[in-house]
Structure formats: C-alpha cells, structure tokens
Amino acid sequence: MRIFKDARARCLSLALLAWTLHATAIKAEEIVVSNYGVSASGMPFAIAMEKGFFEGKVTGILSSQGGGTTVRNLLAGDIAYAEVSPIAVATAIRQGAALKIISNNVQTVSEFGWMVKSDSPIKSIADLKGKKLGYSSPRSVSQALAMLIVEKAGLKPSDVQLVMTGGLGEALVALDLGAIDVAPATEPLLSKYRDKYRIIATATELFPSMSNVVGVTTEAAAGKRGDFLKSVVAGRAKAVAFMKERPEEAAAIVAKVYKLELPVAIQSVRNLIEAKTTLPYWSAGKFDLAGLKEMWRAQILVGAAEGDVDWAKLIDERFLPESERGLK
C-alpha cells in the first residue's frame, strides 16, 4: 500500500511541477525591440529588466533589425509585444496586418546629430551648399532628416549631394575617407565620438517633435494578453522615470547591456534626458498625434509613405496607465 501512496505522491508532485512550469510559461515571455543593444530608443528596456520593473513577466529581450523585420517577427511568432517604427506599423496595417499601436515610446529624433571632421570648414547647416551629406539607407529616417536639413538651410535639393553610406557606423568611415563631408550619427555614437569629430547640428535644435518609436501588439494578443501588455508598458514607464531620477545609475546599466564605456553611457543618457525639446525623448506612453503626423510627413519625402493616416484608428490606449491616456 505504501508503494502506491509514494507513487501517487510522486505523480502529484510531477503534476504540480508541470502546472507550475506551464503557468510560468504563460506569464513570462520574451519581447522584441528593434536594434536593442545598439539604438538609444531601447535603453529603458535594459533598465526595466535589470531593476525588475517587469515583475518577472518578461524573460528576455530579442533584438531585431529594422522596422519591417520586427513587424514580420511579431506577426510570424508567438510574441505579444514589440517596439518598432510607427511607419513600419502603419504600412503593415495598411497592407492588412492585424496590429495595434499601444504606446508611444520615443517622441523626438533627439538621438540624431551631424558630424564633420575637426578641421572641416563647415560650421553649421548654412555651409552645406556644394557639400556631400550622408544618410544610412533609402527610405530611412536619416535620409528623411537629411532632406529636411537641406530645407531648413534654405537650400534647393540640387545644392547638396545626398550620399547613401549603408549604415550610420559606415557613415563615419565614409567621413574619415573623405567620401562625404557630413555624417549622421545617433546616440550613443554621438557621445562616443564627440572628441574625434565636431557636431555641427543636432535634431534637438532643428526639428519639432516626431514620434519615432512605438509599442505594438497583434489584435489577437490585445484580446487575450491584456495583463501582460499592461505589465510591459508599466515596467518600461517605471524605467523612464528611473532614468530621469537616477541618470548615472541608469547609465551604468546601459553601459553593461550596450557594452559601452561608462562615461559614454552617462553622456548619452544625459544628452537625451536633458534635450531641450517640447516633449521628452523617452515617453511613458502618452501619444502625440502631431508627432506621428510629422514623422509620416518626413517619410513621404523619401517615398516611404504616401497619403494620410488616421492614427487614432491604429491606436489602442487601454494598456496605458490612466495618467498617460488621452489622444492629443
């Protein structure tokens, strides 16, 4: 009889273990963040993971290159949340993808700056006539901003030669080789190389707020995974607040995750927190319709978008904290 009791106890223990593992698998999962570990936009996720702000709901962060790739990964896999360009999301929805934008994560393009060699005669964008201005790739934000810079400088498109470099890191190589006169760069590259090159302009100085990165989910996950999505949005919002309150401690985490020297991480985090823009770079989630429209307009310039978008129809605010709701 005892043998049967022991066997039954072991079976119950195994069943309990299996149920526990199943429950954990349901409650904790990975999320996808475009260019995580490289782009400044994803830094709050590093803080949230390190400080436990996701309360164990997120087991890891997957990096994905580019907006289109991230959207495809979200649609193809069993993933409930991704951080991605709003342009990629709007384009996918127009093509029939069942997606919803649930948080506004980055409200400006303050991570961008434009650099020249230290001995360059170029002092500002007013000196760009007849020069070569780099951008990363066709239909990219850097190409759109390059075109807007020419416009801001009061020049005709034919006055400045826009040169594709293949990437932002490659743009600095092209600058060194003399293939371009001005290279775009983003944080943390701006902070890393600010002593080697000279910054002639920053997006903070030049451009209005542009919603640059959003949180997105599938319609299926929005219907079934509401608690998980709220945890992700709330955890990231806590991280944004932490970065403002304790920038140096936050920078130490960023340095570890992004493999940066601590002074570079501190400079990068401070630059973005202290950027003198109408809206902060990192948002706790509140939507800015004007910023979304401005980013769409910028993408129309490079042929990456066309027509108008009714952003309010693409947005689902129910996963935001009450204080962050209210489209404007």
Protein backbone atom coordinates (compact mmCIF):
# COMPACT_ATOMS: atom_id res chain seq x y z
CA MET A 1 0.00 0.00 0.00
CA ARG A 2 2.83 2.34 0.88
CA ILE A 3 4.38 1.84 -2.56
CA PHE A 4 1.14 3.02 -4.16
CA LYS A 5 0.96 6.04 -1.84
CA ASP A 6 4.56 7.00 -2.66
CA ALA A 7 3.88 6.58 -6.37
CA ARG A 8 0.75 8.69 -6.11
CA ALA A 9 2.65 11.38 -4.20
CA ARG A 10 5.36 11.45 -6.87
CA CYS A 11 2.72 11.73 -9.59
CA LEU A 12 1.06 14.60 -7.76
CA SER A 13 4.43 16.34 -7.35
CA LEU A 14 5.21 15.94 -11.03
CA ALA A 15 1.77 17.21 -11.97
CA LEU A 16 2.23 20.22 -9.70
CA LEU A 17 5.66 20.91 -11.22
CA ALA A 18 4.25 20.63 -14.74
CA TRP A 19 1.41 23.01 -13.87
CA THR A 20 3.86 25.47 -12.32
CA LEU A 21 6.10 25.42 -15.38
CA HIS A 22 3.08 25.83 -17.64
CA ALA A 23 1.84 28.80 -15.61
CA THR A 24 5.30 30.38 -15.71
CA ALA A 25 5.47 29.91 -19.48
CA ILE A 26 2.12 31.64 -19.83
CA LYS A 27 3.01 34.56 -17.58
CA ALA A 28 6.61 35.20 -18.63
CA GLU A 29 7.87 35.56 -22.17
CA GLU A 30 10.21 37.43 -24.47
CA ILE A 31 9.53 40.70 -26.25
CA VAL A 32 11.12 42.16 -29.38
CA VAL A 33 12.85 45.56 -29.53
CA SER A 34 14.24 46.93 -32.79
CA ASN A 35 18.03 47.33 -32.66
CA TYR A 36 18.16 46.55 -28.93
CA GLY A 37 21.65 46.97 -27.53
CA VAL A 38 22.53 49.46 -30.27
CA SER A 39 19.83 52.13 -30.55
CA ALA A 40 19.20 54.57 -27.70
CA SER A 41 15.45 54.14 -28.10
CA GLY A 42 15.58 50.73 -26.40
CA MET A 43 17.60 51.78 -23.35
CA PRO A 44 14.60 51.87 -20.95
CA PHE A 45 14.08 48.15 -21.54
CA ALA A 46 17.59 47.45 -20.26
CA ILE A 47 16.77 49.39 -17.09
CA ALA A 48 13.41 47.65 -16.65
CA MET A 49 14.99 44.20 -16.95
CA GLU A 50 17.85 44.98 -14.57
CA LYS A 51 15.63 46.63 -11.92
CA GLY A 52 12.85 44.04 -12.12
CA PHE A 53 10.23 46.54 -13.26
CA PHE A 54 8.55 43.89 -15.43
CA GLU A 55 7.92 41.86 -12.23
CA GLY A 56 9.12 38.65 -13.83
CA LYS A 57 6.67 38.85 -16.73
CA VAL A 58 9.42 39.37 -19.35
CA THR A 59 12.09 36.68 -19.57
CA GLY A 60 14.26 38.32 -22.20
CA ILE A 61 14.54 40.88 -24.97
CA LEU A 62 15.13 39.88 -28.57
CA SER A 63 16.78 42.37 -30.91
CA SER A 64 15.51 42.74 -34.44
CA GLN A 65 17.00 44.79 -37.26
CA GLY A 66 14.73 47.45 -38.69
CA GLY A 67 11.02 48.13 -38.51
CA GLY A 68 9.86 45.82 -41.28
CA THR A 69 11.81 42.87 -39.87
CA THR A 70 10.42 43.47 -36.38
CA VAL A 71 6.84 43.59 -37.65
CA ARG A 72 7.32 40.34 -39.58
CA ASN A 73 8.76 38.66 -36.47
CA LEU A 74 5.81 39.86 -34.41
CA LEU A 75 3.27 38.56 -36.91
CA ALA A 76 5.04 35.25 -37.51
CA GLY A 77 5.90 34.28 -33.93
CA ASP A 78 4.21 33.78 -30.59
CA ILE A 79 5.26 37.23 -29.38
CA ALA A 80 2.82 39.70 -27.84
CA TYR A 81 4.84 42.94 -27.78
CA ALA A 82 7.39 44.70 -29.96
CA GLU A 83 8.97 48.14 -30.10
CA VAL A 84 9.22 49.42 -33.66
CA SER A 85 8.95 52.40 -36.01
CA PRO A 86 5.39 53.76 -36.33
CA ILE A 87 5.90 53.97 -40.09
CA ALA A 88 6.54 50.23 -40.32
CA VAL A 89 3.41 49.53 -38.26
CA ALA A 90 1.14 51.89 -40.22
CA THR A 91 2.41 50.47 -43.51
CA ALA A 92 1.79 46.90 -42.33
CA ILE A 93 -1.73 47.73 -41.12
CA ARG A 94 -2.49 49.32 -44.48
CA GLN A 95 -1.46 46.04 -46.08
CA GLY A 96 -3.87 44.10 -43.90
CA ALA A 97 -1.78 43.21 -40.83
CA ALA A 98 -3.86 42.83 -37.65
CA LEU A 99 -1.79 45.12 -35.40
CA LYS A 100 -2.46 47.80 -32.80
CA ILE A 101 -0.17 50.58 -31.55
CA ILE A 102 -0.39 50.58 -27.74
CA SER A 103 2.27 53.02 -26.51
CA ASN A 104 4.25 56.00 -27.76
CA ASN A 105 7.80 55.20 -26.65
CA VAL A 106 10.06 57.80 -28.28
CA GLN A 107 8.65 61.23 -29.11
CA THR A 108 11.56 63.01 -30.80
CA VAL A 109 14.57 62.35 -33.00
CA SER A 110 16.93 63.91 -30.45
CA GLU A 111 19.31 60.96 -30.75
CA PHE A 112 20.43 62.30 -34.15
CA GLY A 113 23.30 64.68 -34.79
CA TRP A 114 25.54 65.54 -37.74
CA MET A 115 29.32 65.44 -37.53
CA VAL A 116 32.24 66.73 -39.55
CA LYS A 117 35.98 66.29 -39.27
CA SER A 118 37.53 68.57 -36.68
CA ASP A 119 39.31 70.64 -39.36
CA SER A 120 36.27 70.95 -41.65
CA PRO A 121 35.31 74.45 -42.81
CA ILE A 122 31.64 73.54 -42.27
CA LYS A 123 30.40 75.29 -39.14
CA SER A 124 26.63 74.87 -39.49
CA ILE A 125 23.97 73.66 -41.92
CA ALA A 126 24.22 77.07 -43.61
CA ASP A 127 27.55 75.89 -45.06
CA LEU A 128 26.19 72.78 -46.79
CA LYS A 129 25.91 74.17 -50.32
CA GLY A 130 28.04 72.08 -52.67
CA LYS A 131 28.80 69.52 -49.95
CA LYS A 132 28.12 65.79 -49.56
CA LEU A 133 25.69 64.88 -46.77
CA GLY A 134 25.49 61.23 -45.76
CA TYR A 135 22.49 59.10 -44.85
CA SER A 136 22.26 55.42 -43.96
CA SER A 137 19.87 53.77 -46.43
CA PRO A 138 16.97 54.53 -48.78
CA ARG A 139 13.69 55.47 -47.07
CA SER A 140 15.40 55.67 -43.68
CA VAL A 141 14.83 58.31 -41.00
CA SER A 142 18.36 59.58 -41.65
CA GLN A 143 17.51 60.17 -45.32
CA ALA A 144 14.29 61.98 -44.41
CA LEU A 145 16.15 64.16 -41.90
CA ALA A 146 18.89 64.89 -44.45
CA MET A 147 16.25 66.21 -46.85
CA LEU A 148 14.68 68.27 -44.07
CA ILE A 149 18.10 69.70 -43.16
CA VAL A 150 18.56 70.94 -46.72
CA GLU A 151 15.10 72.51 -46.47
CA LYS A 152 15.94 74.07 -43.08
CA ALA A 153 19.14 75.54 -44.51
CA GLY A 154 17.12 77.33 -47.17
CA LEU A 155 18.83 75.41 -49.96
CA LYS A 156 17.49 73.65 -53.04
CA PRO A 157 17.75 69.84 -53.20
CA SER A 158 20.27 70.22 -56.01
CA ASP A 159 22.53 72.34 -53.79
CA VAL A 160 23.54 69.38 -51.60
CA GLN A 161 24.54 65.87 -52.69
CA LEU A 162 22.95 63.20 -50.51
CA VAL A 163 25.14 60.10 -50.30
CA MET A 164 23.99 56.67 -49.08
CA THR A 165 26.58 55.05 -46.80
CA GLY A 166 24.86 51.77 -45.93
CA GLY A 167 24.63 52.43 -42.20
CA LEU A 168 25.36 55.01 -39.51
CA GLY A 169 28.63 53.39 -38.45
CA GLU A 170 29.62 53.22 -42.11
CA ALA A 171 28.83 56.94 -42.43
CA LEU A 172 31.65 57.76 -40.01
CA VAL A 173 34.01 55.56 -42.04
CA ALA A 174 32.92 57.42 -45.18
CA LEU A 175 33.61 60.70 -43.38
CA ASP A 176 37.13 59.55 -42.47
CA LEU A 177 37.77 58.52 -46.08
CA GLY A 178 36.52 61.82 -47.47
CA ALA A 179 33.61 60.22 -49.33
CA ILE A 180 31.21 62.57 -47.53
CA ASP A 181 31.59 65.93 -45.80
CA VAL A 182 28.92 65.47 -43.12
CA ALA A 183 27.95 62.22 -41.41
CA PRO A 184 24.75 61.49 -39.48
CA ALA A 185 25.18 59.76 -36.13
CA THR A 186 22.91 58.76 -33.27
CA GLU A 187 23.40 58.24 -29.58
CA PRO A 188 25.44 56.55 -28.24
CA LEU A 189 27.77 57.08 -31.26
CA LEU A 190 27.46 60.86 -30.86
CA SER A 191 28.79 60.69 -27.31
CA LYS A 192 31.42 58.08 -28.18
CA TYR A 193 33.00 60.12 -30.98
CA ARG A 194 32.30 63.70 -29.91
CA ASP A 195 36.02 64.29 -29.22
CA LYS A 196 37.14 62.87 -32.58
CA TYR A 197 34.63 64.76 -34.73
CA ARG A 198 32.79 68.06 -34.43
CA ILE A 199 29.00 68.26 -34.17
CA ILE A 200 27.55 70.96 -36.43
CA ALA A 201 23.86 70.35 -35.71
CA THR A 202 21.55 68.21 -33.62
CA ALA A 203 17.98 67.15 -34.23
CA THR A 204 17.08 68.73 -30.89
CA GLU A 205 17.96 72.13 -32.34
CA LEU A 206 16.45 71.61 -35.78
CA PHE A 207 13.25 69.61 -35.63
CA PRO A 208 9.87 69.56 -33.91
CA SER A 209 8.68 66.52 -32.03
CA MET A 210 8.44 63.41 -34.22
CA SER A 211 7.12 60.16 -32.80
CA ASN A 212 10.00 57.87 -33.62
CA VAL A 213 9.28 54.53 -31.92
CA VAL A 214 6.08 52.90 -30.64
CA GLY A 215 4.97 49.81 -28.77
CA VAL A 216 2.84 47.46 -30.83
CA THR A 217 0.92 44.22 -30.41
CA THR A 218 -1.24 41.93 -32.51
CA GLU A 219 -5.02 42.19 -32.33
CA ALA A 220 -5.09 38.61 -31.05
CA ALA A 221 -2.70 39.41 -28.18
CA ALA A 222 -4.60 42.61 -27.40
CA GLY A 223 -7.69 40.49 -26.82
CA LYS A 224 -6.05 37.72 -24.80
CA ARG A 225 -2.85 39.11 -23.22
CA GLY A 226 -4.01 42.38 -21.71
CA ASP A 227 -2.38 41.87 -18.29
CA PHE A 228 0.97 41.02 -19.88
CA LEU A 229 0.85 44.06 -22.18
CA LYS A 230 -0.02 46.34 -19.26
CA SER A 231 2.97 44.94 -17.36
CA VAL A 232 5.33 45.67 -20.25
CA VAL A 233 4.06 49.22 -20.73
CA ALA A 234 4.07 49.96 -16.98
CA GLY A 235 7.53 48.43 -16.47
CA ARG A 236 9.01 50.50 -19.27
CA ALA A 237 7.33 53.64 -17.88
CA LYS A 238 8.95 52.97 -14.48
CA ALA A 239 12.30 52.67 -16.23
CA VAL A 240 11.83 56.04 -17.96
CA ALA A 241 11.09 57.67 -14.59
CA PHE A 242 14.13 55.94 -13.07
CA MET A 243 16.40 57.27 -15.84
CA LYS A 244 15.26 60.83 -15.12
CA GLU A 245 15.66 60.45 -11.36
CA ARG A 246 18.94 58.49 -11.34
CA PRO A 247 20.69 59.05 -14.68
CA GLU A 248 24.11 57.84 -13.57
CA GLU A 249 22.80 54.60 -12.08
CA ALA A 250 20.72 54.08 -15.23
CA ALA A 251 23.77 54.80 -17.38
CA ALA A 252 25.77 52.12 -15.54
CA ILE A 253 23.13 49.57 -16.55
CA VAL A 254 23.13 50.85 -20.13
CA ALA A 255 26.93 50.62 -20.24
CA LYS A 256 26.79 46.95 -19.27
CA VAL A 257 23.99 45.94 -21.65
CA TYR A 258 25.13 48.09 -24.59
CA LYS A 259 28.84 47.33 -23.99
CA LEU A 260 29.81 51.00 -23.68
CA GLU A 261 32.41 52.76 -21.60
CA LEU A 262 30.68 54.27 -18.56
CA PRO A 263 31.48 57.95 -19.43
CA VAL A 264 29.98 57.42 -22.90
CA ALA A 265 26.83 55.87 -21.45
CA ILE A 266 26.46 58.69 -18.90
CA GLN A 267 26.88 61.35 -21.60
CA SER A 268 24.41 59.60 -23.90
CA VAL A 269 21.71 59.18 -21.25
CA ARG A 270 22.13 62.76 -20.01
CA ASN A 271 22.02 64.18 -23.56
CA LEU A 272 18.66 62.55 -24.21
CA ILE A 273 17.14 63.27 -20.80
CA GLU A 274 18.20 66.91 -20.91
CA ALA A 275 17.37 67.54 -24.59
CA LYS A 276 15.58 70.90 -24.83
CA THR A 277 12.55 69.78 -26.80
CA THR A 278 8.83 70.39 -26.34
CA LEU A 279 8.36 66.75 -25.38
CA PRO A 280 10.85 64.40 -23.67
CA TYR A 281 12.76 61.91 -25.83
CA TRP A 282 11.59 58.83 -23.88
CA SER A 283 7.86 58.82 -23.22
CA ALA A 284 5.97 56.91 -20.54
CA GLY A 285 3.48 56.02 -23.27
CA LYS A 286 1.24 59.02 -23.96
CA PHE A 287 0.50 59.58 -27.63
CA ASP A 288 1.26 62.77 -29.54
CA LEU A 289 -0.73 62.75 -32.78
CA ALA A 290 1.12 65.80 -34.12
CA GLY A 291 4.42 63.94 -33.70
CA LEU A 292 3.10 60.89 -35.53
CA LYS A 293 1.87 63.07 -38.39
CA GLU A 294 5.21 64.88 -38.61
CA MET A 295 7.11 61.60 -38.85
CA TRP A 296 4.71 60.40 -41.56
CA ARG A 297 5.31 63.65 -43.49
CA ALA A 298 9.07 63.11 -43.24
CA GLN A 299 8.70 59.61 -44.66
CA ILE A 300 6.58 60.88 -47.55
CA LEU A 301 9.58 62.99 -48.58
CA VAL A 302 11.68 59.86 -49.18
CA GLY A 303 8.92 57.80 -50.76
CA ALA A 304 8.49 55.52 -47.75
CA ALA A 305 4.89 56.62 -47.21
CA GLU A 306 2.02 58.17 -49.11
CA GLY A 307 -1.41 59.61 -48.43
CA ASP A 308 -2.84 60.31 -44.99
CA VAL A 309 -3.14 58.12 -41.92
CA ASP A 310 -5.89 58.30 -39.31
CA TRP A 311 -3.56 57.48 -36.42
CA ALA A 312 -6.38 57.42 -33.86
CA LYS A 313 -7.81 54.33 -35.58
CA LEU A 314 -4.49 52.49 -35.27
CA ILE A 315 -4.09 53.19 -31.55
CA ASP A 316 -5.41 51.26 -28.54
CA GLU A 317 -4.86 53.16 -25.26
CA ARG A 318 -6.33 50.64 -22.84
CA PHE A 319 -2.90 49.23 -21.85
CA LEU A 320 -1.55 52.64 -20.80
CA PRO A 321 -1.68 53.90 -17.22
CA GLU A 322 -4.69 56.21 -16.72
CA SER A 323 -2.37 59.23 -16.46
CA GLU A 324 -0.96 58.56 -19.93
CA ARG A 325 -4.27 58.23 -21.78
CA GLY A 326 -5.97 60.91 -23.85
CA LEU A 327 -5.04 61.39 -27.51
CA LYS A 328 -3.93 64.92 -28.37
